[in-house]
Protein backbone atom coordinates (compact mmCIF):
# COMPACT_ATOMS: atom_id res chain seq x y z
CA MET A 1 -62.91 -61.55 141.71
CA LEU A 2 -66.20 -60.46 140.22
CA ASN A 3 -68.43 -62.66 138.09
CA LEU A 4 -71.97 -61.89 136.94
CA SER A 5 -72.94 -65.52 137.68
CA ILE A 6 -73.14 -64.47 141.36
CA VAL A 7 -76.74 -63.34 140.74
CA LEU A 8 -77.69 -67.00 140.26
CA GLU A 9 -75.22 -68.53 142.75
CA ASP A 10 -76.20 -66.29 145.66
CA SER A 11 -79.90 -67.06 145.22
CA ALA A 12 -79.20 -70.81 144.87
CA ARG A 13 -77.33 -70.65 148.19
CA HIS A 14 -80.01 -68.70 150.08
CA VAL A 15 -83.27 -70.02 148.57
CA PRO A 16 -82.30 -73.35 146.91
CA ASP A 17 -85.87 -74.67 146.89
CA ARG A 18 -87.58 -71.52 145.62
CA THR A 19 -88.87 -71.72 142.02
CA ALA A 20 -86.45 -69.91 139.72
CA LEU A 21 -88.03 -70.77 136.36
CA VAL A 22 -91.56 -71.51 135.21
CA PHE A 23 -92.00 -72.78 131.66
CA GLY A 24 -95.38 -74.30 130.83
CA ASP A 25 -95.86 -77.03 133.46
CA LEU A 26 -92.16 -77.10 134.38
CA ARG A 27 -91.14 -75.51 137.68
CA LEU A 28 -87.41 -75.51 138.32
CA PRO A 29 -85.85 -74.52 141.67
CA TYR A 30 -82.75 -72.34 141.99
CA SER A 31 -80.65 -75.32 143.13
CA MET A 32 -81.34 -77.18 139.86
CA VAL A 33 -80.71 -74.18 137.59
CA ASP A 34 -77.36 -73.63 139.31
CA THR A 35 -76.46 -77.33 139.09
CA VAL A 36 -77.13 -77.51 135.33
CA ALA A 37 -75.15 -74.26 134.83
CA ASN A 38 -72.26 -75.94 136.71
CA GLN A 39 -72.51 -78.94 134.37
CA VAL A 40 -72.33 -76.57 131.37
CA ALA A 41 -69.21 -74.93 132.87
CA ASN A 42 -67.58 -78.34 133.44
CA LEU A 43 -68.44 -79.36 129.87
CA LEU A 44 -66.89 -76.21 128.41
CA VAL A 45 -63.68 -76.65 130.41
CA ALA A 46 -63.53 -80.33 129.40
CA ARG A 47 -63.80 -79.28 125.72
CA GLY A 48 -61.01 -76.72 126.00
CA VAL A 49 -63.15 -73.60 126.32
CA GLY A 50 -62.02 -71.28 129.08
CA LYS A 51 -61.30 -67.78 130.26
CA GLY A 52 -61.65 -65.14 127.58
CA ASP A 53 -63.08 -67.50 124.96
CA LYS A 54 -66.30 -66.43 123.23
CA VAL A 55 -69.33 -68.74 123.27
CA ALA A 56 -72.40 -67.96 121.16
CA LEU A 57 -75.91 -68.79 122.38
CA MET A 58 -78.89 -68.83 120.04
CA CYS A 59 -81.94 -69.66 122.09
CA PRO A 60 -85.46 -68.32 122.74
CA ASN A 61 -86.97 -67.77 126.21
CA VAL A 62 -86.81 -71.37 127.43
CA PRO A 63 -84.92 -72.83 130.44
CA TYR A 64 -81.85 -73.60 128.32
CA PHE A 65 -81.08 -69.89 128.08
CA PRO A 66 -80.20 -69.29 131.77
CA PHE A 67 -78.61 -72.79 132.06
CA VAL A 68 -76.13 -72.03 129.28
CA TYR A 69 -75.76 -68.27 129.86
CA PHE A 70 -74.64 -68.68 133.47
CA GLY A 71 -72.61 -71.81 132.64
CA ILE A 72 -70.57 -69.82 130.12
CA LEU A 73 -69.96 -67.06 132.69
CA LYS A 74 -68.96 -69.55 135.40
CA ALA A 75 -66.32 -70.98 133.01
CA GLY A 76 -64.83 -67.48 132.72
CA ALA A 77 -65.85 -67.30 129.06
CA THR A 78 -67.79 -64.52 127.29
CA VAL A 79 -71.43 -65.00 126.23
CA VAL A 80 -72.42 -63.91 122.73
CA PRO A 81 -76.25 -64.07 122.63
CA LEU A 82 -77.70 -64.17 119.10
CA ASN A 83 -81.09 -63.08 117.78
CA VAL A 84 -83.17 -66.23 117.16
CA LEU A 85 -84.49 -64.86 113.86
CA LEU A 86 -81.07 -64.72 112.15
CA GLN A 87 -80.54 -66.53 108.85
CA PRO A 88 -77.47 -68.80 108.29
CA ARG A 89 -75.42 -66.08 106.52
CA GLU A 90 -76.09 -63.67 109.43
CA ILE A 91 -75.29 -66.28 112.10
CA ALA A 92 -71.98 -67.02 110.35
CA TYR A 93 -71.19 -63.28 110.32
CA HIS A 94 -71.73 -63.05 114.10
CA LEU A 95 -69.66 -66.17 114.81
CA ASP A 96 -66.77 -64.83 112.70
CA ASP A 97 -67.01 -61.26 113.97
CA SER A 98 -67.03 -62.30 117.66
CA ASP A 99 -64.35 -65.02 117.24
CA ALA A 100 -66.79 -67.50 118.81
CA LYS A 101 -65.20 -70.82 119.72
CA ALA A 102 -68.51 -72.61 120.39
CA LEU A 103 -72.21 -72.30 119.55
CA PHE A 104 -75.13 -73.54 121.64
CA CYS A 105 -78.14 -73.57 119.34
CA PHE A 106 -81.80 -74.32 120.03
CA GLU A 107 -83.31 -76.91 117.66
CA GLY A 108 -86.29 -74.68 116.88
CA THR A 109 -89.49 -75.60 115.09
CA ALA A 110 -90.67 -76.23 111.54
CA GLU A 111 -91.60 -72.52 111.31
CA LEU A 112 -88.31 -71.37 112.84
CA PRO A 113 -85.63 -73.98 112.04
CA MET A 114 -82.89 -72.58 114.26
CA GLY A 115 -81.01 -75.87 114.52
CA ALA A 116 -80.69 -76.26 110.74
CA ARG A 117 -79.71 -72.60 110.30
CA GLY A 118 -77.19 -72.73 113.13
CA ARG A 119 -75.61 -75.92 111.78
CA GLU A 120 -75.28 -74.44 108.29
CA ALA A 121 -73.61 -71.33 109.73
CA PHE A 122 -71.32 -73.38 111.99
CA ASP A 123 -70.17 -75.53 109.04
CA ALA A 124 -69.39 -72.36 107.07
CA THR A 125 -67.25 -70.88 109.86
CA GLY A 126 -63.60 -71.77 110.27
CA GLY A 127 -62.86 -70.72 113.84
CA CYS A 128 -65.90 -72.14 115.64
CA GLU A 129 -64.98 -75.59 116.99
CA LEU A 130 -67.93 -76.79 119.07
CA PHE A 131 -71.61 -77.06 118.09
CA LEU A 132 -74.16 -78.19 120.68
CA VAL A 133 -77.86 -78.61 119.99
CA LEU A 134 -80.45 -77.65 122.60
CA PRO A 135 -83.19 -80.15 121.69
CA ALA A 136 -86.81 -79.00 121.43
CA THR A 137 -87.87 -82.34 123.00
CA PRO A 138 -87.06 -82.22 126.74
CA LEU A 139 -84.04 -84.36 127.72
CA ALA A 140 -83.62 -85.77 124.17
CA THR A 141 -80.09 -87.17 123.85
CA GLU A 142 -80.00 -87.14 120.03
CA SER A 143 -80.53 -84.52 117.35
CA GLU A 144 -80.26 -84.64 113.56
CA HIS A 145 -78.27 -81.40 113.68
CA GLY A 146 -75.41 -82.58 115.89
CA GLU A 147 -74.41 -83.39 119.46
CA SER A 148 -77.26 -83.03 121.96
CA PHE A 149 -76.84 -80.85 125.03
CA TRP A 150 -78.18 -83.60 127.31
CA ALA A 151 -75.80 -86.25 125.96
CA ALA A 152 -72.90 -83.80 126.31
CA ILE A 153 -73.53 -82.87 129.97
CA ASP A 154 -74.34 -86.46 130.99
CA GLY A 155 -71.81 -87.49 133.60
CA MET A 156 -70.59 -83.91 134.13
CA SER A 157 -70.32 -82.92 137.79
CA GLY A 158 -72.98 -80.59 139.20
CA ASP A 159 -70.31 -78.83 141.26
CA PHE A 160 -67.99 -76.21 139.79
CA GLU A 161 -65.73 -73.58 141.24
CA THR A 162 -66.49 -70.41 139.29
CA VAL A 163 -63.47 -69.09 137.40
CA GLN A 164 -62.02 -65.92 138.91
CA THR A 165 -62.71 -63.03 136.56
CA ALA A 166 -61.61 -59.41 136.95
CA PRO A 167 -64.29 -56.67 137.05
CA ASP A 168 -63.16 -55.40 133.65
CA ASP A 169 -63.12 -58.82 131.94
CA THR A 170 -65.73 -59.10 129.19
CA ALA A 171 -68.88 -60.93 130.33
CA ALA A 172 -70.97 -60.51 127.19
CA ILE A 173 -70.79 -59.20 123.65
CA LEU A 174 -74.20 -57.87 122.65
CA TYR A 175 -74.81 -57.14 119.00
CA THR A 176 -76.66 -53.95 118.21
CA SER A 177 -79.28 -54.21 115.52
CA GLY A 178 -77.13 -52.55 112.90
CA THR A 179 -79.37 -49.80 111.53
CA THR A 180 -76.17 -48.44 110.00
CA GLY A 181 -74.08 -51.04 108.19
CA GLN A 182 -73.22 -54.38 109.78
CA PRO A 183 -74.18 -55.20 113.40
CA LYS A 184 -71.48 -54.29 115.92
CA GLY A 185 -70.74 -56.17 119.15
CA ALA A 186 -70.84 -54.03 122.30
CA GLU A 187 -68.32 -55.45 124.79
CA LEU A 188 -69.75 -55.37 128.31
CA SER A 189 -67.73 -56.23 131.39
CA HIS A 190 -68.79 -58.14 134.51
CA VAL A 191 -68.80 -54.86 136.45
CA ASN A 192 -70.94 -53.12 133.77
CA LEU A 193 -73.64 -55.79 133.93
CA LEU A 194 -73.47 -56.52 137.65
CA ILE A 195 -73.78 -52.88 138.77
CA ASN A 196 -76.57 -52.32 136.25
CA THR A 197 -78.39 -55.36 137.66
CA MET A 198 -77.94 -54.14 141.25
CA VAL A 199 -78.99 -50.54 140.58
CA SER A 200 -82.01 -51.65 138.50
CA ASP A 201 -83.03 -54.10 141.24
CA GLN A 202 -82.81 -51.48 143.99
CA MET A 203 -85.13 -49.09 142.14
CA PHE A 204 -88.16 -51.21 143.02
CA PRO A 205 -89.28 -52.53 146.42
CA ALA A 206 -89.05 -56.33 146.51
CA ASP A 207 -91.92 -58.60 147.52
CA PRO A 208 -90.72 -60.50 150.65
CA ALA A 209 -92.56 -63.62 149.42
CA GLY A 210 -90.62 -63.42 146.14
CA ASP A 211 -91.48 -61.46 143.03
CA VAL A 212 -92.81 -63.13 139.91
CA SER A 213 -91.60 -61.65 136.64
CA LEU A 214 -92.97 -62.37 133.16
CA ALA A 215 -89.99 -62.79 130.82
CA VAL A 216 -91.34 -62.21 127.33
CA LEU A 217 -88.74 -59.67 126.19
CA PRO A 218 -86.14 -61.76 124.33
CA LEU A 219 -83.39 -62.84 126.70
CA PHE A 220 -80.83 -62.46 123.88
CA HIS A 221 -81.49 -58.71 124.08
CA SER A 222 -79.97 -56.56 126.87
CA PHE A 223 -83.38 -55.38 128.17
CA GLY A 224 -84.65 -58.95 128.72
CA GLN A 225 -81.29 -60.33 129.78
CA ILE A 226 -80.29 -57.82 132.45
CA SER A 227 -83.42 -55.84 133.40
CA VAL A 228 -85.59 -58.97 133.57
CA MET A 229 -83.51 -62.17 133.98
CA SER A 230 -80.58 -60.90 136.07
CA VAL A 231 -82.68 -58.51 138.17
CA THR A 232 -85.29 -61.20 138.95
CA MET A 233 -82.60 -63.73 139.89
CA ARG A 234 -80.77 -61.23 142.07
CA ARG A 235 -83.97 -60.53 144.02
CA ARG A 236 -84.57 -64.30 144.31
CA GLY A 237 -87.76 -64.06 142.29
CA THR A 238 -89.45 -66.40 139.83
CA LEU A 239 -88.99 -66.00 136.10
CA VAL A 240 -92.03 -67.02 134.02
CA LEU A 241 -90.63 -67.72 130.56
CA MET A 242 -92.65 -66.87 127.47
CA PRO A 243 -90.94 -67.48 124.10
CA ARG A 244 -93.31 -65.39 121.96
CA PHE A 245 -95.51 -62.49 122.90
CA ASP A 246 -99.22 -62.97 122.44
CA PRO A 247 -101.40 -60.44 124.31
CA GLY A 248 -104.10 -62.96 125.35
CA GLU A 249 -101.56 -65.57 126.50
CA ALA A 250 -99.51 -62.94 128.36
CA LEU A 251 -102.61 -61.78 130.28
CA ALA A 252 -103.55 -65.42 131.05
CA LEU A 253 -100.02 -66.14 132.35
CA MET A 254 -100.09 -63.00 134.49
CA ARG A 255 -103.32 -64.16 136.11
CA LYS A 256 -102.27 -67.81 136.48
CA GLU A 257 -98.77 -67.20 137.87
CA LYS A 258 -99.69 -64.09 139.89
CA VAL A 259 -97.11 -61.96 138.11
CA THR A 260 -95.93 -58.92 140.11
CA MET A 261 -93.41 -57.44 137.64
CA PHE A 262 -93.65 -56.89 133.90
CA ALA A 263 -91.19 -55.23 131.55
CA GLY A 264 -92.22 -54.72 127.96
CA VAL A 265 -92.01 -52.51 124.91
CA PRO A 266 -94.83 -50.08 124.04
CA THR A 267 -96.36 -52.38 121.41
CA MET A 268 -96.82 -55.09 124.09
CA TYR A 269 -98.74 -52.70 126.36
CA TRP A 270 -100.78 -51.58 123.37
CA GLY A 271 -101.51 -55.24 122.46
CA MET A 272 -102.70 -56.18 125.98
CA LEU A 273 -104.92 -53.09 126.26
CA SER A 274 -106.44 -53.79 122.83
CA LYS A 275 -107.17 -57.37 123.93
CA ILE A 276 -108.87 -56.19 127.15
CA HIS A 277 -110.95 -53.49 125.42
CA ALA A 278 -111.87 -55.51 122.31
CA ASP A 279 -112.39 -59.00 123.83
CA GLY A 280 -113.23 -58.16 127.43
CA ASP A 281 -110.20 -60.06 128.77
CA GLU A 282 -109.89 -60.06 132.54
CA VAL A 283 -107.34 -57.61 133.98
CA PRO A 284 -104.62 -59.28 136.15
CA THR A 285 -104.73 -58.00 139.74
CA THR A 286 -101.29 -58.89 141.15
CA LEU A 287 -99.13 -56.57 139.02
CA LYS A 288 -97.11 -54.05 141.07
CA VAL A 289 -94.39 -52.87 138.69
CA ALA A 290 -94.71 -52.13 134.97
CA VAL A 291 -91.65 -50.97 133.06
CA SER A 292 -91.39 -49.83 129.47
CA GLY A 293 -88.33 -49.24 127.34
CA ALA A 294 -86.71 -49.83 123.90
CA ALA A 295 -88.94 -47.17 122.27
CA ALA A 296 -90.95 -44.18 123.43
CA CYS A 297 -94.34 -45.20 124.85
CA PRO A 298 -97.24 -43.07 123.56
CA VAL A 299 -98.70 -40.99 126.40
CA GLU A 300 -102.21 -42.24 125.47
CA VAL A 301 -101.08 -45.84 126.10
CA ILE A 302 -99.54 -44.84 129.47
CA LYS A 303 -102.80 -43.16 130.56
CA ASP A 304 -104.98 -46.06 129.37
CA PHE A 305 -102.78 -48.64 131.14
CA GLU A 306 -102.87 -46.79 134.46
CA THR A 307 -106.68 -46.45 134.25
CA THR A 308 -107.13 -50.12 133.27
CA PHE A 309 -104.52 -51.86 135.48
CA GLY A 310 -104.23 -49.37 138.32
CA VAL A 311 -100.43 -49.41 137.86
CA ALA A 312 -98.31 -46.63 136.37
CA ILE A 313 -95.95 -47.55 133.54
CA LEU A 314 -92.45 -46.41 134.49
CA GLU A 315 -90.50 -45.49 131.39
CA GLY A 316 -86.79 -45.91 131.25
CA TYR A 317 -84.06 -45.60 128.70
CA GLY A 318 -80.96 -47.48 127.76
CA LEU A 319 -79.04 -49.22 125.00
CA SER A 320 -76.96 -52.37 124.65
CA GLU A 321 -73.92 -50.07 124.91
CA THR A 322 -75.13 -48.83 128.34
CA SER A 323 -75.61 -52.28 129.96
CA PRO A 324 -78.63 -51.34 129.35
CA ALA A 325 -80.30 -48.97 131.89
CA ALA A 326 -79.19 -45.31 131.77
CA SER A 327 -82.20 -43.33 133.03
CA PHE A 328 -85.55 -44.10 134.60
CA ASN A 329 -88.69 -42.70 136.14
CA GLN A 330 -87.70 -43.76 139.67
CA LEU A 331 -89.97 -44.07 142.68
CA SER A 332 -87.90 -41.57 144.70
CA ARG A 333 -89.35 -38.72 142.64
CA PRO A 334 -92.67 -38.07 140.83
CA THR A 335 -93.22 -39.95 137.56
CA LYS A 336 -93.53 -37.78 134.46
CA PRO A 337 -95.35 -39.62 131.66
CA GLY A 338 -93.78 -39.05 128.27
CA THR A 339 -90.27 -38.74 129.76
CA ILE A 340 -87.50 -41.29 130.33
CA GLY A 341 -86.97 -39.92 133.83
CA PHE A 342 -83.54 -38.98 135.16
CA PRO A 343 -80.17 -40.80 135.27
CA ILE A 344 -79.95 -43.91 137.47
CA TRP A 345 -77.50 -44.03 140.40
CA GLY A 346 -73.87 -43.61 139.32
CA VAL A 347 -74.71 -42.40 135.81
CA GLU A 348 -74.46 -38.90 134.30
CA MET A 349 -76.29 -37.65 131.22
CA LYS A 350 -75.99 -34.48 129.14
CA LEU A 351 -77.04 -33.12 125.76
CA VAL A 352 -74.41 -32.50 123.08
CA ASP A 353 -74.28 -31.12 119.55
CA ASP A 354 -72.61 -32.78 116.53
CA ASP A 355 -69.20 -31.54 117.68
CA TRP A 356 -69.54 -32.89 121.25
CA ASN A 357 -70.19 -29.40 122.67
CA THR A 358 -72.42 -29.49 125.77
CA ILE A 359 -75.89 -27.99 125.24
CA LEU A 360 -77.26 -26.20 128.30
CA GLY A 361 -80.94 -25.60 129.04
CA GLU A 362 -83.66 -27.74 127.58
CA GLY A 363 -82.10 -28.56 124.21
CA PRO A 364 -82.88 -30.44 122.01
CA GLY A 365 -79.57 -32.23 121.71
CA GLU A 366 -78.08 -35.71 121.42
CA ILE A 367 -77.95 -37.68 124.67
CA ALA A 368 -74.45 -38.52 125.92
CA VAL A 369 -74.00 -40.88 128.89
CA ARG A 370 -71.11 -41.53 131.31
CA GLY A 371 -70.85 -43.95 134.22
CA HIS A 372 -70.35 -47.55 135.37
CA ASN A 373 -72.65 -48.77 132.59
CA ILE A 374 -70.65 -47.71 129.52
CA MET A 375 -69.32 -50.54 127.33
CA LYS A 376 -65.61 -51.17 126.85
CA GLY A 377 -66.12 -50.55 123.13
CA TYR A 378 -67.26 -52.32 119.98
CA TYR A 379 -65.45 -55.67 119.73
CA GLY A 380 -62.61 -55.46 117.20
CA ARG A 381 -63.72 -52.02 115.94
CA PRO A 382 -61.45 -49.27 117.29
CA LYS A 383 -62.59 -46.73 114.66
CA GLU A 384 -66.33 -47.11 115.41
CA THR A 385 -65.57 -47.09 119.15
CA GLU A 386 -63.64 -43.82 118.81
CA GLU A 387 -66.60 -42.20 117.00
CA VAL A 388 -68.99 -42.76 119.94
CA LEU A 389 -66.72 -42.68 123.03
CA ARG A 390 -64.84 -39.62 124.27
CA ASP A 391 -63.51 -38.95 127.82
CA GLY A 392 -65.79 -41.71 129.13
CA TRP A 393 -68.87 -40.19 127.46
CA PHE A 394 -70.89 -42.31 125.04
CA ARG A 395 -73.05 -40.58 122.44
CA THR A 396 -76.30 -42.43 121.86
CA GLY A 397 -77.74 -41.14 118.58
CA ASP A 398 -80.95 -40.22 120.42
CA ILE A 399 -82.25 -36.65 120.39
CA ALA A 400 -83.86 -35.42 123.61
CA THR A 401 -84.97 -32.38 125.58
CA ARG A 402 -84.46 -31.86 129.33
CA ASP A 403 -86.82 -30.00 131.67
CA GLU A 404 -85.94 -27.83 134.67
CA ASP A 405 -86.19 -30.86 137.02
CA GLY A 406 -83.62 -32.80 134.99
CA TYR A 407 -86.07 -35.22 133.36
CA TYR A 408 -85.20 -36.17 129.79
CA ALA A 409 -87.73 -36.71 127.00
CA ILE A 410 -86.71 -38.51 123.82
CA PHE A 411 -87.52 -36.53 120.75
CA ASP A 412 -86.35 -39.15 118.28
CA ARG A 413 -83.51 -41.21 116.93
CA SER A 414 -81.21 -38.80 115.12
CA LYS A 415 -81.43 -41.11 112.11
CA ASP A 416 -85.25 -41.16 112.18
CA MET A 417 -85.41 -37.38 111.88
CA ILE A 418 -87.15 -36.20 108.69
CA ILE A 419 -85.80 -33.15 106.85
CA ARG A 420 -88.62 -31.72 104.73
CA GLY A 421 -87.82 -28.59 102.75
CA GLY A 422 -85.07 -27.68 105.20
CA PHE A 423 -87.23 -28.15 108.30
CA ASN A 424 -86.34 -30.77 110.92
CA ILE A 425 -89.34 -32.95 111.78
CA TYR A 426 -89.33 -35.49 114.60
CA PRO A 427 -91.71 -38.43 113.87
CA ARG A 428 -92.29 -39.14 117.58
CA GLU A 429 -93.97 -35.76 118.04
CA LEU A 430 -96.41 -36.43 115.16
CA GLU A 431 -97.10 -39.98 116.37
CA GLU A 432 -98.09 -38.65 119.80
CA VAL A 433 -100.65 -36.33 118.16
CA LEU A 434 -101.96 -38.91 115.68
CA ILE A 435 -102.59 -41.59 118.32
CA THR A 436 -105.05 -39.24 120.05
CA HIS A 437 -107.39 -39.53 117.02
CA PRO A 438 -110.19 -41.97 117.97
CA ALA A 439 -109.80 -43.94 114.71
CA VAL A 440 -106.06 -44.53 115.21
CA SER A 441 -104.86 -47.55 117.21
CA LEU A 442 -101.14 -47.55 116.36
CA VAL A 443 -99.04 -45.35 114.09
CA ALA A 444 -95.53 -45.03 112.68
CA VAL A 445 -94.37 -41.88 110.90
CA VAL A 446 -91.43 -41.96 108.47
CA GLY A 447 -89.84 -39.77 105.82
CA VAL A 448 -90.12 -40.94 102.20
CA PRO A 449 -88.11 -39.53 99.28
CA ASN A 450 -89.66 -36.52 97.54
CA ASP A 451 -88.42 -34.60 94.48
CA SER A 452 -89.38 -31.10 95.56
CA HIS A 453 -88.94 -31.26 99.37
CA GLY A 454 -86.19 -33.88 99.73
CA GLU A 455 -88.42 -35.90 102.07
CA GLU A 456 -92.17 -36.11 102.56
CA VAL A 457 -93.94 -37.14 105.77
CA LYS A 458 -95.87 -40.42 105.63
CA ALA A 459 -97.96 -42.06 108.36
CA TYR A 460 -98.62 -45.81 108.49
CA VAL A 461 -101.75 -46.37 110.57
CA ILE A 462 -103.36 -49.43 112.17
CA PRO A 463 -107.00 -48.34 112.53
CA ALA A 464 -108.89 -48.81 115.82
CA PRO A 465 -111.33 -51.78 115.77
CA GLY A 466 -114.53 -50.82 113.96
CA ALA A 467 -113.24 -47.35 113.06
CA THR A 468 -113.86 -45.84 109.67
CA VAL A 469 -111.79 -42.90 108.52
CA SER A 470 -110.44 -42.14 105.05
CA GLU A 471 -106.89 -41.11 104.18
CA ASP A 472 -108.09 -37.63 103.17
CA GLU A 473 -110.04 -37.14 106.42
CA LEU A 474 -107.02 -38.09 108.51
CA VAL A 475 -104.68 -35.83 106.51
CA ALA A 476 -107.17 -32.95 106.93
CA TRP A 477 -107.33 -33.59 110.69
CA CYS A 478 -103.51 -33.59 110.90
CA LYS A 479 -103.40 -30.30 108.99
CA GLU A 480 -105.62 -28.75 111.66
CA ASN A 481 -103.56 -30.13 114.53
CA MET A 482 -99.97 -29.76 113.31
CA ALA A 483 -97.78 -27.06 111.80
CA ALA A 484 -98.05 -26.68 108.03
CA TYR A 485 -94.50 -27.89 107.37
CA LYS A 486 -94.80 -31.08 109.41
CA TYR A 487 -98.22 -32.74 109.04
CA PRO A 488 -98.25 -36.06 107.09
CA ARG A 489 -99.24 -35.59 103.44
CA ILE A 490 -99.60 -39.36 102.92
CA VAL A 491 -101.46 -41.90 105.09
CA GLU A 492 -101.41 -45.65 104.46
CA PHE A 493 -103.65 -48.02 106.43
CA ARG A 494 -102.16 -51.35 107.50
CA ASP A 495 -103.34 -54.38 109.53
CA THR A 496 -99.86 -54.82 111.01
CA LEU A 497 -96.52 -53.01 111.21
CA PRO A 498 -93.11 -54.69 110.81
CA MET A 499 -91.44 -55.22 114.19
CA THR A 500 -88.16 -56.49 115.58
CA ALA A 501 -88.05 -59.55 117.82
CA THR A 502 -88.23 -57.15 120.77
CA GLY A 503 -91.41 -55.50 119.44
CA LYS A 504 -89.84 -52.26 118.21
CA ILE A 505 -91.44 -50.90 115.05
CA LEU A 506 -88.97 -51.33 112.17
CA LYS A 507 -89.07 -47.95 110.49
CA ARG A 508 -86.35 -48.77 108.00
CA GLU A 509 -88.71 -51.36 106.42
CA LEU A 510 -91.43 -48.71 106.08
CA ARG A 511 -89.22 -46.22 104.30
């Protein structure tokens, strides 16, 4: 018997009265979160949803997410978390592809009408039988989009005996963003997610009084779901829920709730630092652990954060397919800024070439990972699974180097690599140089089609506040600081860059 819901149940048993969730003025203790999750499990069983069934959840960072997530797991079913920005056609695709039997959908807002979109998708899908609305108004028992969550769980018992699941049973299907073709669902078992939660938790000393974690990374994404929600609940901490990242509001919440742990993507760190330097915002003083992942964090941002906050950003690396953590700058050894550290406990990493041959020395090569964290495969896609899994090794699509101490440094996504006139150019390397220019606040480098060279190097730049630099001046500066074949020939200034819901820069939209 092994069920990921133990991370909530164990804490509810040991610290029932401790605050599990903070959302605005709401403070909910562990006992209540567990009780509502039990009601969700009872509801699912009553409606014929059970072991092995798939249940989709489309919900931002509000208390409903853990209620429903753990309720689905307790019922022995599989959670299929969906990106809250999906349009009806995309939602329908995910419901069909995952064979979802039910959909829990947040009502949303006028700007983001999730309820209407979810309903439209549900009506267009044959196999999905149950649609439940998570109302935006607390405790509302009616919704124009369908049956309300609160009406449905009314009268359901708050006790539930968690369904026995085997370690290898599927706990969650996490859809990867689909940079190539349609999104694919990575099937992750209870043992994948539970061991990853435990190992991630043990990397950082816990605060005996209870850690406070700011949950602004989307919980539908593996980084927010496991590294933030599950880890915080396992260490009996408090989760401060923030549905949308805003640098000023995040800093205010950190100060107000005395946040000790923060996990974010590089653009979030950049946003908070910009807010402090430009507007003189007060620096929170309680932060003890700062973790960055999802994309490489510019070394300049790491240095600035440590100077400003007095806390080092620990960079890690992982993917949905690796549950998610695979490597980390861990406290047992010195931190090396600009690297993703070394493999976490129980995980091996190596560099391989296109034919799976192991690359010795420092590389570069493609990262391959093996261990307790590797997914079972892509749901319903044996061919795609076979392409990335061999002898337990998973190939990631990320190009890295490895130093003599075994620390890995991401060079780039293999698909972000630019080939200009036969030369391989890694955008990350150029971005690291460009961000050191005083007039550059944030930058993304991409390859754009070019008749003579195949691809040309282009930099999209958000200028630093009050900075004045022309395109020609910046190109000339790059020419002085980078090899002739790789410096950007084109610079475009922007106020913003397109980003995913997790705050990753969307390079495919810039190409």
